[in-house]
Protein backbone atom coordinates (compact mmCIF):
# COMPACT_ATOMS: atom_id res chain seq x y z
CA MET A 1 8.48 5.34 0.29
CA ASN A 2 7.68 7.04 -3.03
CA LEU A 3 6.45 10.63 -3.29
CA ALA A 4 4.40 11.44 -6.39
CA SER A 5 3.37 14.75 -7.89
CA ASN A 6 1.47 15.04 -11.18
CA GLN A 7 0.52 17.99 -13.32
CA GLY A 8 -2.63 16.89 -15.13
CA VAL A 9 -4.98 13.91 -14.84
CA VAL A 10 -3.55 10.38 -14.87
CA ASP A 11 -4.91 6.88 -14.35
CA SER A 12 -2.92 6.28 -11.14
CA ILE A 13 -1.25 9.07 -9.19
CA ASP A 14 1.67 6.95 -7.94
CA LEU A 15 2.04 4.66 -11.00
CA PRO A 16 0.84 6.74 -13.95
CA THR A 17 0.77 5.06 -17.35
CA LEU A 18 -2.00 7.02 -19.11
CA ALA A 19 -2.88 10.73 -19.20
CA TYR A 20 -6.48 11.87 -19.53
CA VAL A 21 -8.22 15.07 -20.55
CA ARG A 22 -8.82 17.29 -17.55
CA PRO A 23 -12.54 17.16 -16.62
CA PRO A 24 -14.37 20.35 -15.62
CA GLY A 25 -13.77 21.26 -11.98
CA ASP A 26 -10.68 19.08 -11.59
CA SER A 27 -7.71 20.58 -9.77
CA GLY A 28 -5.38 19.66 -12.64
CA GLY A 29 -2.84 17.88 -10.47
CA SER A 30 -2.22 15.51 -7.58
CA PHE A 31 0.27 14.79 -4.84
CA GLY A 32 0.72 11.78 -2.57
CA ALA A 33 2.99 9.21 -0.95
CA THR A 34 2.93 5.42 -1.08
CA LEU A 35 4.72 2.26 0.01
CA ARG A 36 3.06 0.16 -2.70
CA GLN A 37 6.27 -0.24 -4.65
CA SER A 38 8.11 -1.88 -1.77
CA GLU A 39 9.45 -5.31 -2.72
CA ILE A 40 9.89 -8.40 -0.55
CA GLY A 41 12.16 -11.22 -1.67
CA PHE A 42 13.14 -14.68 -0.46
CA GLU A 43 15.93 -16.83 -1.84
CA ALA A 44 16.91 -20.38 -0.92
CA PHE A 45 19.82 -22.52 -2.09
CA GLY A 46 19.44 -26.28 -2.21
CA PRO A 47 21.71 -29.29 -2.65
CA THR A 48 23.51 -30.31 -5.81
CA VAL A 49 21.28 -32.66 -7.81
CA ALA A 50 22.62 -34.61 -10.80
CA GLY A 51 25.53 -32.18 -10.98
CA ALA A 52 23.29 -29.08 -10.97
CA LYS A 53 23.11 -26.38 -8.34
CA THR A 54 19.53 -25.84 -7.17
CA LYS A 55 17.97 -22.55 -6.13
CA ALA A 56 14.48 -21.15 -5.51
CA ASP A 57 13.32 -17.55 -5.14
CA LEU A 58 10.11 -15.68 -4.41
CA GLN A 59 9.48 -11.98 -5.18
CA LEU A 60 6.47 -10.05 -3.85
CA ASP A 61 5.39 -6.43 -3.80
CA LEU A 62 2.51 -4.38 -2.38
CA ALA A 63 1.04 -3.28 -5.72
CA GLY A 64 -1.79 -5.79 -5.95
CA GLY A 65 -4.44 -3.10 -6.26
CA PHE A 66 -7.38 -2.15 -4.06
CA PRO A 67 -10.75 -3.86 -3.59
CA SER A 68 -13.85 -2.05 -4.83
CA ILE A 69 -15.35 -1.61 -1.38
CA PRO A 70 -15.79 1.36 0.96
CA ASN A 71 -12.39 2.40 2.30
CA GLY A 72 -10.74 0.01 -0.14
CA ILE A 73 -7.82 2.41 -0.41
CA ASN A 74 -6.79 1.18 3.05
CA SER A 75 -6.88 -2.52 2.03
CA GLY A 76 -4.08 -2.83 -0.48
CA LEU A 77 -3.12 -6.31 -1.62
CA VAL A 78 0.19 -8.16 -1.73
CA ARG A 79 1.06 -9.25 -5.28
CA LEU A 80 3.11 -12.19 -6.51
CA ARG A 81 5.77 -11.07 -8.98
CA THR A 82 7.97 -14.10 -9.59
CA ALA A 83 8.38 -17.52 -8.01
CA THR A 84 10.90 -19.87 -9.61
CA MET A 85 12.96 -22.97 -8.99
CA ARG A 86 16.03 -23.53 -11.11
CA MET A 87 18.75 -26.10 -11.74
CA ASP A 88 22.05 -24.72 -13.05
CA TRP A 89 24.74 -26.77 -14.74
CA ALA A 90 27.91 -25.31 -16.22
CA SER A 91 26.26 -24.49 -19.56
CA THR A 92 22.59 -25.42 -19.14
CA SER A 93 19.80 -24.23 -16.83
CA VAL A 94 16.24 -25.42 -16.28
CA VAL A 95 13.79 -22.91 -14.79
CA VAL A 96 10.25 -23.73 -13.61
CA GLY A 97 7.74 -21.28 -12.15
CA GLN A 98 6.45 -17.76 -12.77
CA ASP A 99 9.07 -15.47 -14.24
CA ALA A 100 9.59 -12.63 -16.71
CA ILE A 101 8.89 -13.52 -20.34
CA PHE A 102 12.08 -15.01 -21.68
CA PHE A 103 12.02 -13.44 -25.15
CA SER A 104 12.01 -9.91 -23.69
CA PRO A 105 14.17 -10.15 -20.57
CA ASN A 106 15.39 -6.54 -20.39
CA SER A 107 13.36 -3.67 -18.92
CA PRO A 108 14.35 -0.13 -17.92
CA THR A 109 14.98 0.24 -14.20
CA SER A 110 13.70 3.16 -12.15
CA PHE A 111 12.87 3.67 -8.48
CA ALA A 112 9.77 5.55 -9.67
CA THR A 113 8.35 2.57 -11.58
CA LEU A 114 9.18 -0.66 -9.79
CA ALA A 115 5.67 -2.13 -9.77
CA ILE A 116 5.15 -1.48 -13.50
CA PRO A 117 8.30 -1.36 -15.66
CA ALA A 118 9.01 1.93 -17.40
CA LEU A 119 8.01 2.52 -21.04
CA THR A 120 5.11 0.05 -20.77
CA TYR A 121 2.94 1.99 -23.20
CA ALA A 122 5.88 2.74 -25.49
CA GLY A 123 6.38 -0.85 -26.61
CA ASN A 124 8.17 -2.42 -23.63
CA LEU A 125 6.97 -6.03 -23.60
CA TRP A 126 6.87 -7.25 -20.00
CA SER A 127 4.89 -9.71 -17.97
CA TRP A 128 5.34 -12.42 -15.36
CA VAL A 129 3.89 -15.70 -16.60
CA PRO A 130 4.05 -19.39 -15.60
CA GLN A 131 6.64 -21.19 -17.68
CA ILE A 132 9.10 -24.01 -18.08
CA ARG A 133 12.34 -22.75 -19.60
CA VAL A 134 15.54 -24.43 -20.75
CA GLU A 135 18.63 -22.27 -21.29
CA HIS A 136 21.84 -23.42 -22.98
CA ARG A 137 24.98 -21.31 -23.23
CA VAL A 138 27.80 -21.84 -25.74
CA ARG A 139 31.05 -19.89 -25.23
CA LEU A 140 32.58 -19.10 -28.61
CA GLU A 141 35.64 -17.32 -27.27
CA LYS A 142 36.67 -15.27 -24.26
CA SER A 143 34.61 -12.18 -25.14
CA ARG A 144 31.71 -13.89 -26.93
CA ALA A 145 28.89 -16.09 -25.82
CA CYS A 146 25.87 -17.59 -27.53
CA TYR A 147 22.89 -19.03 -25.74
CA SER A 148 19.39 -20.15 -26.52
CA LYS A 149 16.21 -20.60 -24.54
CA GLU A 150 13.30 -22.89 -25.20
CA ASP A 151 10.09 -22.20 -23.39
CA SER A 152 6.76 -23.90 -22.84
CA ARG A 153 4.48 -21.56 -20.95
CA SER A 154 1.10 -22.18 -19.45
CA GLY A 155 -0.19 -18.95 -21.01
CA LYS A 156 -1.24 -15.47 -19.98
CA ARG A 157 -4.43 -14.64 -18.19
CA GLY A 158 -7.24 -13.29 -20.32
CA SER A 159 -8.98 -9.99 -19.62
CA THR A 160 -11.74 -10.20 -17.04
CA GLY A 161 -13.74 -7.38 -18.57
CA CYS A 162 -14.54 -6.14 -15.06
CA SER A 163 -13.98 -2.66 -13.69
CA ALA A 164 -12.93 -3.96 -10.27
CA ARG A 165 -9.27 -3.56 -9.37
CA TYR A 166 -8.95 -7.29 -8.68
CA LYS A 167 -10.87 -10.58 -8.70
CA LEU A 168 -10.48 -13.41 -6.24
CA LEU A 169 -10.79 -16.10 -8.92
CA PRO A 170 -8.75 -16.04 -12.15
CA ALA A 171 -10.81 -15.65 -15.32
CA GLY A 172 -10.00 -17.83 -18.31
CA GLY A 173 -9.40 -16.34 -21.74
CA ALA A 174 -8.27 -17.48 -25.17
CA TRP A 175 -4.93 -18.59 -23.73
CA GLU A 176 -6.52 -21.04 -21.31
CA ALA A 177 -9.34 -22.07 -23.68
CA SER A 178 -6.81 -23.25 -26.26
CA ARG A 179 -5.85 -26.08 -23.87
CA GLN A 180 -2.28 -25.70 -25.10
CA PRO A 181 0.74 -23.86 -23.69
CA ALA A 182 2.55 -21.22 -25.66
CA TYR A 183 5.84 -22.22 -27.28
CA GLY A 184 8.82 -20.03 -27.99
CA SER A 185 12.56 -19.85 -28.48
CA ARG A 186 15.22 -17.18 -28.18
CA ILE A 187 18.79 -17.22 -29.50
CA ALA A 188 21.23 -14.49 -28.50
CA TRP A 189 24.86 -13.70 -29.40
CA THR A 190 26.93 -11.37 -27.23
CA ARG A 191 30.32 -9.73 -27.80
CA ASN A 192 32.13 -6.98 -25.92
CA VAL A 193 32.77 -3.88 -28.04
CA PHE A 194 34.76 -1.04 -26.47
CA GLY A 195 34.11 -2.57 -23.07
CA GLN A 196 30.32 -2.72 -23.56
CA PRO A 197 28.23 -5.79 -24.47
CA LEU A 198 26.84 -5.87 -28.03
CA ARG A 199 23.95 -8.34 -28.37
CA TRP A 200 22.12 -9.82 -31.33
CA GLU A 201 18.90 -11.73 -30.69
CA SER A 202 16.39 -13.79 -32.64
CA ARG A 203 13.02 -14.64 -31.06
CA VAL A 204 10.07 -16.82 -32.05
CA LEU A 205 6.82 -17.10 -30.08
CA LEU A 206 3.74 -19.18 -30.89
CA PRO A 207 0.97 -17.91 -28.59
CA ALA A 208 -1.44 -20.39 -27.08
CA GLY A 209 -4.40 -18.49 -28.55
CA LEU A 210 -3.40 -19.54 -32.10
CA TRP A 211 -4.36 -23.12 -31.24
CA LEU A 212 -7.88 -21.98 -30.43
CA GLN A 213 -8.19 -19.94 -33.63
CA SER A 214 -7.00 -22.80 -35.83
CA ALA A 215 -9.47 -25.19 -34.21
CA ARG A 216 -12.52 -23.08 -35.07
């Protein structure tokens, strides 16, 4: 359970990301408790296929929002975070499913912001999107490693333009209308310096929406 106390007006009392100007007559603060950031996970290990170890996992939480109906605050929704199946060889992995965006894999961790990663509005790029990802790791020496990832994603969901907290049917946007997945690659080099990992990365992403813009 999370306890939340805010001084001021925010967009969500338990998961604040934006602060607003205090309207006339507002108390100027809030206090509450929630279980919305509870996480549920399932993990399964399969047989060895073509020399690769197989594994599948499913991650859910209770932060799916509330329906815009009377007493909707009592009808919170379960939300799918990630659902992947992977095949792992000694130096290569293939991942299929919905997972974190591969070119920005690191996010700050905090028990106060599990449902929405911290620093979201400060430039932290995060999302869970459908994707097919190939990872290859090359060990240069004992303390160094280099690996790359190639990704073909089915694209992000477009904005619904609706004030409701959720919609039952997904709305298509420029990503889906392009009729092409997004393509990207990420190359990283890691070396231990004074006992801590030092990483250099290079990332390239071609969003699906560019296909739609070039076709017009």
